[in-house]
Amino acid sequence: MGFFEFAASILPRLLDATVTTLELTAASIVLGLLVGILLALGRVYGARPVRWLTNGYIQFFRGTPLLVQLLIVYYGLPPYLAMVNIRLTPLVAAVIGLGLNSAAYQAEYFRGAIQAVRSGQMMAARSIGMSRAKAIIYVVLPQALRLVIPSWSNELIYSIKYSSLAYFITLPELTFVGKKVALNTARTFEAYLVVAAIYLVIVIVVSRLLTVLENRVRVPGLGVSRGHR
């Protein structure tokens, strides 16, 4: 059987696993977004103890391997969660691990975007009677969310690729199923080549869509540099 025939024969199974990969990526990036915004607000506007806590969170998740974090969530937490009758499926554990890790990076992107909003915006909002909280929610955050898109786009791409680490906690995502196909067919190179091609297509499509979004909402004259991991 030639390569293209082999690829066609395993593609349906890999595409099913790709759905799991996309679900994991979407759920973890949303969790990271919500937690990341709260962390960023805590770092910029919080009292000193809040800043210490948020900084500690960010340092921990950025300073330890993502794989170790996933293993802690999936293998380390269950004995404690069992005391309150909570059980983690591989998907839930992967979402929690990837999401909390992503939140640490997103927090830094959002912090930079919030601080890029001119201080006069907050002063103007307060001068017309807005409370500090309302000024943050209705004036600062909307502008920061537009500014953060370039760096946040990188985080989404990273999340797609790092979702493959869920393989280590037995989640049947793309990499996990790709390995099973490779073992069952004894065509390791070809199987992983198809897996890599699927990841590449996903990343290219998502990158193009994010570029369109970035161009639509760009704030003229302002920008936030892309982050690096």
Protein backbone atom coordinates (compact mmCIF):
# COMPACT_ATOMS: atom_id res chain seq x y z
CA MET A 1 0.00 0.00 0.00
CA GLY A 2 1.39 3.37 -1.03
CA PHE A 3 1.67 6.36 1.28
CA PHE A 4 -1.40 8.19 -0.01
CA GLU A 5 -3.55 5.05 0.19
CA PHE A 6 -2.30 4.46 3.72
CA ALA A 7 -2.96 8.08 4.69
CA ALA A 8 -6.51 7.87 3.30
CA SER A 9 -7.15 4.66 5.24
CA ILE A 10 -6.13 6.11 8.63
CA LEU A 11 -7.45 9.64 8.09
CA PRO A 12 -11.02 9.05 9.39
CA ARG A 13 -9.69 7.75 12.70
CA LEU A 14 -7.23 10.62 13.04
CA LEU A 15 -9.87 13.20 12.19
CA ASP A 16 -12.10 11.84 14.96
CA ALA A 17 -9.18 12.36 17.35
CA THR A 18 -8.65 15.83 15.90
CA VAL A 19 -12.11 16.79 17.17
CA THR A 20 -10.96 15.91 20.69
CA THR A 21 -7.80 17.99 20.18
CA LEU A 22 -9.86 20.99 19.08
CA GLU A 23 -12.30 20.59 21.98
CA LEU A 24 -9.40 20.42 24.43
CA THR A 25 -7.75 23.48 22.89
CA ALA A 26 -10.95 25.53 22.89
CA ALA A 27 -11.88 24.67 26.48
CA SER A 28 -8.37 25.25 27.86
CA ILE A 29 -7.86 28.55 26.04
CA VAL A 30 -11.21 29.85 27.37
CA LEU A 31 -10.31 28.77 30.92
CA GLY A 32 -6.92 30.43 30.50
CA LEU A 33 -8.58 33.57 29.16
CA LEU A 34 -10.92 33.94 32.13
CA VAL A 35 -8.28 33.19 34.76
CA GLY A 36 -5.66 35.21 32.90
CA ILE A 37 -7.79 38.36 32.85
CA LEU A 38 -8.40 38.07 36.59
CA LEU A 39 -4.68 37.57 37.23
CA ALA A 40 -3.78 40.55 35.05
CA LEU A 41 -6.28 42.78 36.83
CA GLY A 42 -4.89 41.60 40.15
CA ARG A 43 -1.34 42.43 39.10
CA VAL A 44 -2.23 45.88 37.77
CA TYR A 45 -4.93 47.07 40.17
CA GLY A 46 -4.75 44.72 43.16
CA ALA A 47 -3.43 45.44 46.64
CA ARG A 48 0.05 44.27 47.51
CA PRO A 49 -1.03 40.83 48.87
CA VAL A 50 -3.06 40.24 45.70
CA ARG A 51 -0.08 41.16 43.54
CA TRP A 52 2.09 38.75 45.52
CA LEU A 53 -0.41 35.91 45.05
CA THR A 54 -0.89 36.53 41.35
CA ASN A 55 2.83 36.84 40.80
CA GLY A 56 3.41 33.57 42.68
CA TYR A 57 0.82 31.82 40.51
CA ILE A 58 2.44 33.11 37.32
CA GLN A 59 5.95 32.20 38.46
CA PHE A 60 4.89 28.67 39.38
CA PHE A 61 3.08 27.86 36.14
CA ARG A 62 5.69 29.53 33.93
CA GLY A 63 8.61 28.08 35.86
CA THR A 64 7.59 24.41 35.92
CA PRO A 65 7.10 22.02 32.97
CA LEU A 66 3.58 21.77 31.57
CA LEU A 67 3.87 17.98 31.49
CA VAL A 68 4.61 17.89 35.22
CA GLN A 69 1.58 20.11 35.85
CA LEU A 70 -0.64 17.73 33.85
CA LEU A 71 0.69 14.75 35.79
CA ILE A 72 0.01 16.52 39.10
CA VAL A 73 -3.57 17.28 38.07
CA TYR A 74 -4.36 13.82 36.69
CA TYR A 75 -2.41 11.58 39.06
CA GLY A 76 -1.82 13.79 42.09
CA LEU A 77 -5.23 15.36 42.72
CA PRO A 78 -7.59 12.33 42.45
CA PRO A 79 -6.82 10.91 45.95
CA TYR A 80 -7.85 14.24 47.47
CA LEU A 81 -10.80 14.77 45.17
CA ALA A 82 -12.06 11.27 45.94
CA MET A 83 -12.72 12.44 49.50
CA VAL A 84 -15.47 14.68 48.12
CA ASN A 85 -16.61 12.20 45.45
CA ILE A 86 -15.09 14.06 42.52
CA ARG A 87 -13.43 12.11 39.71
CA LEU A 88 -11.40 13.62 36.90
CA THR A 89 -11.66 12.25 33.38
CA PRO A 90 -8.57 12.62 31.17
CA LEU A 91 -10.32 15.39 29.21
CA VAL A 92 -11.26 17.40 32.30
CA ALA A 93 -7.77 16.96 33.77
CA ALA A 94 -6.19 18.08 30.50
CA VAL A 95 -8.43 21.14 30.28
CA ILE A 96 -7.58 22.12 33.85
CA GLY A 97 -3.85 21.57 33.42
CA LEU A 98 -3.53 23.28 30.04
CA GLY A 99 -5.96 26.05 31.01
CA LEU A 100 -4.23 26.98 34.26
CA ASN A 101 -0.86 26.94 32.53
CA SER A 102 -2.13 29.10 29.68
CA ALA A 103 -3.63 31.53 32.20
CA ALA A 104 -0.14 32.36 33.51
CA TYR A 105 1.01 33.40 30.04
CA GLN A 106 -2.21 35.11 29.09
CA ALA A 107 -2.05 37.10 32.33
CA GLU A 108 1.22 38.66 31.22
CA TYR A 109 -0.17 39.45 27.77
CA PHE A 110 -3.25 41.08 29.30
CA ARG A 111 -1.16 42.98 31.84
CA GLY A 112 0.90 44.47 29.04
CA ALA A 113 -2.23 45.36 27.07
CA ILE A 114 -3.92 46.97 30.08
CA GLN A 115 -0.84 49.05 30.81
CA ALA A 116 -0.69 50.07 27.13
CA VAL A 117 -4.06 51.81 27.49
CA ARG A 118 -3.34 55.46 28.19
CA SER A 119 -3.84 56.49 31.81
CA GLY A 120 -5.94 59.40 30.64
CA GLN A 121 -8.67 56.93 29.70
CA MET A 122 -9.13 55.94 33.33
CA MET A 123 -9.01 59.56 34.48
CA ALA A 124 -11.62 60.57 31.91
CA ALA A 125 -13.92 57.73 32.96
CA ARG A 126 -13.59 58.67 36.64
CA SER A 127 -14.20 62.34 35.85
CA ILE A 128 -17.66 61.57 34.42
CA GLY A 129 -18.68 59.70 37.55
CA MET A 130 -17.71 56.10 36.78
CA SER A 131 -16.46 53.98 39.64
CA ARG A 132 -13.02 52.42 39.31
CA ALA A 133 -14.53 49.00 38.65
CA LYS A 134 -16.86 50.31 35.94
CA ALA A 135 -14.03 52.27 34.33
CA ILE A 136 -11.94 49.08 34.15
CA ILE A 137 -14.79 46.99 32.74
CA TYR A 138 -16.26 49.44 30.26
CA VAL A 139 -13.27 51.59 29.26
CA VAL A 140 -9.92 49.89 29.91
CA LEU A 141 -10.71 46.22 29.22
CA PRO A 142 -12.38 46.67 25.81
CA GLN A 143 -9.33 48.53 24.56
CA ALA A 144 -6.93 46.06 26.16
CA LEU A 145 -8.74 43.13 24.55
CA ARG A 146 -8.15 44.66 21.13
CA LEU A 147 -4.51 45.38 21.87
CA VAL A 148 -3.76 41.89 23.19
CA ILE A 149 -4.81 39.99 20.07
CA PRO A 150 -1.31 39.70 18.48
CA SER A 151 0.28 38.14 21.56
CA TRP A 152 -2.87 36.19 22.45
CA SER A 153 -2.82 34.70 18.95
CA ASN A 154 0.53 33.14 19.74
CA GLU A 155 -0.92 31.60 22.89
CA LEU A 156 -3.73 29.96 20.93
CA ILE A 157 -1.22 28.45 18.48
CA TYR A 158 0.91 27.19 21.37
CA SER A 159 -2.17 25.65 22.98
CA ILE A 160 -2.98 23.69 19.84
CA LYS A 161 0.50 22.18 19.76
CA TYR A 162 0.84 21.67 23.52
CA SER A 163 -2.47 19.80 23.59
CA SER A 164 -0.43 16.82 22.36
CA LEU A 165 0.98 16.50 25.89
CA ALA A 166 -2.44 15.20 26.96
CA TYR A 167 -1.23 11.97 25.36
CA PHE A 168 0.66 11.29 28.59
CA ILE A 169 -2.56 11.19 30.62
CA THR A 170 -4.22 8.80 28.14
CA LEU A 171 -6.56 11.30 26.50
CA PRO A 172 -7.39 9.93 23.01
CA GLU A 173 -6.42 13.13 21.19
CA LEU A 174 -4.58 13.29 17.88
CA THR A 175 -1.10 12.31 19.07
CA PHE A 176 -2.40 9.46 21.25
CA VAL A 177 -4.44 7.96 18.42
CA GLY A 178 -1.56 8.53 16.01
CA LYS A 179 0.68 6.39 18.18
CA LYS A 180 -1.92 3.62 18.33
CA VAL A 181 -2.20 3.70 14.55
CA ALA A 182 1.59 3.55 14.24
CA LEU A 183 1.79 0.54 16.55
CA ASN A 184 -1.08 -1.30 14.86
CA THR A 185 0.18 -0.77 11.32
CA ALA A 186 3.95 -0.85 11.96
CA ARG A 187 4.23 2.20 9.69
CA THR A 188 5.48 4.65 12.28
CA PHE A 189 7.00 7.24 9.97
CA GLU A 190 3.96 7.50 7.72
CA ALA A 191 1.48 7.58 10.61
CA TYR A 192 3.26 10.38 12.44
CA LEU A 193 3.76 12.26 9.18
CA VAL A 194 -0.01 12.34 8.69
CA VAL A 195 -0.46 13.47 12.30
CA ALA A 196 2.06 16.28 11.77
CA ALA A 197 0.28 17.32 8.57
CA ILE A 198 -3.04 17.61 10.41
CA TYR A 199 -1.48 19.79 13.11
CA LEU A 200 0.12 21.94 10.41
CA VAL A 201 -3.19 22.46 8.61
CA ILE A 202 -4.93 23.41 11.87
CA VAL A 203 -2.21 25.91 12.79
CA ILE A 204 -2.20 27.51 9.33
CA VAL A 205 -5.99 27.89 9.26
CA VAL A 206 -6.16 29.29 12.78
CA SER A 207 -3.26 31.67 12.08
CA ARG A 208 -5.02 33.02 8.98
CA LEU A 209 -8.27 33.53 10.88
CA LEU A 210 -6.47 35.32 13.72
CA THR A 211 -4.69 37.58 11.24
CA VAL A 212 -8.07 38.58 9.79
CA LEU A 213 -9.42 39.24 13.28
CA GLU A 214 -6.34 41.26 14.24
CA ASN A 215 -6.66 43.44 11.14
CA ARG A 216 -10.35 44.07 11.80
CA VAL A 217 -9.95 45.26 15.39
CA ARG A 218 -6.50 46.86 15.28
CA VAL A 219 -6.25 50.14 17.18
CA PRO A 220 -4.47 52.64 14.89
CA GLY A 221 -1.15 53.78 16.32
CA LEU A 222 -1.15 51.27 19.16
CA GLY A 223 0.13 47.75 19.44
CA VAL A 224 1.43 45.11 21.79
CA SER A 225 4.50 43.12 20.86
CA ARG A 226 4.11 39.42 20.38
CA GLY A 227 5.00 37.29 23.39
CA HIS A 228 7.40 34.37 23.47
CA ARG A 229 7.43 31.11 25.38
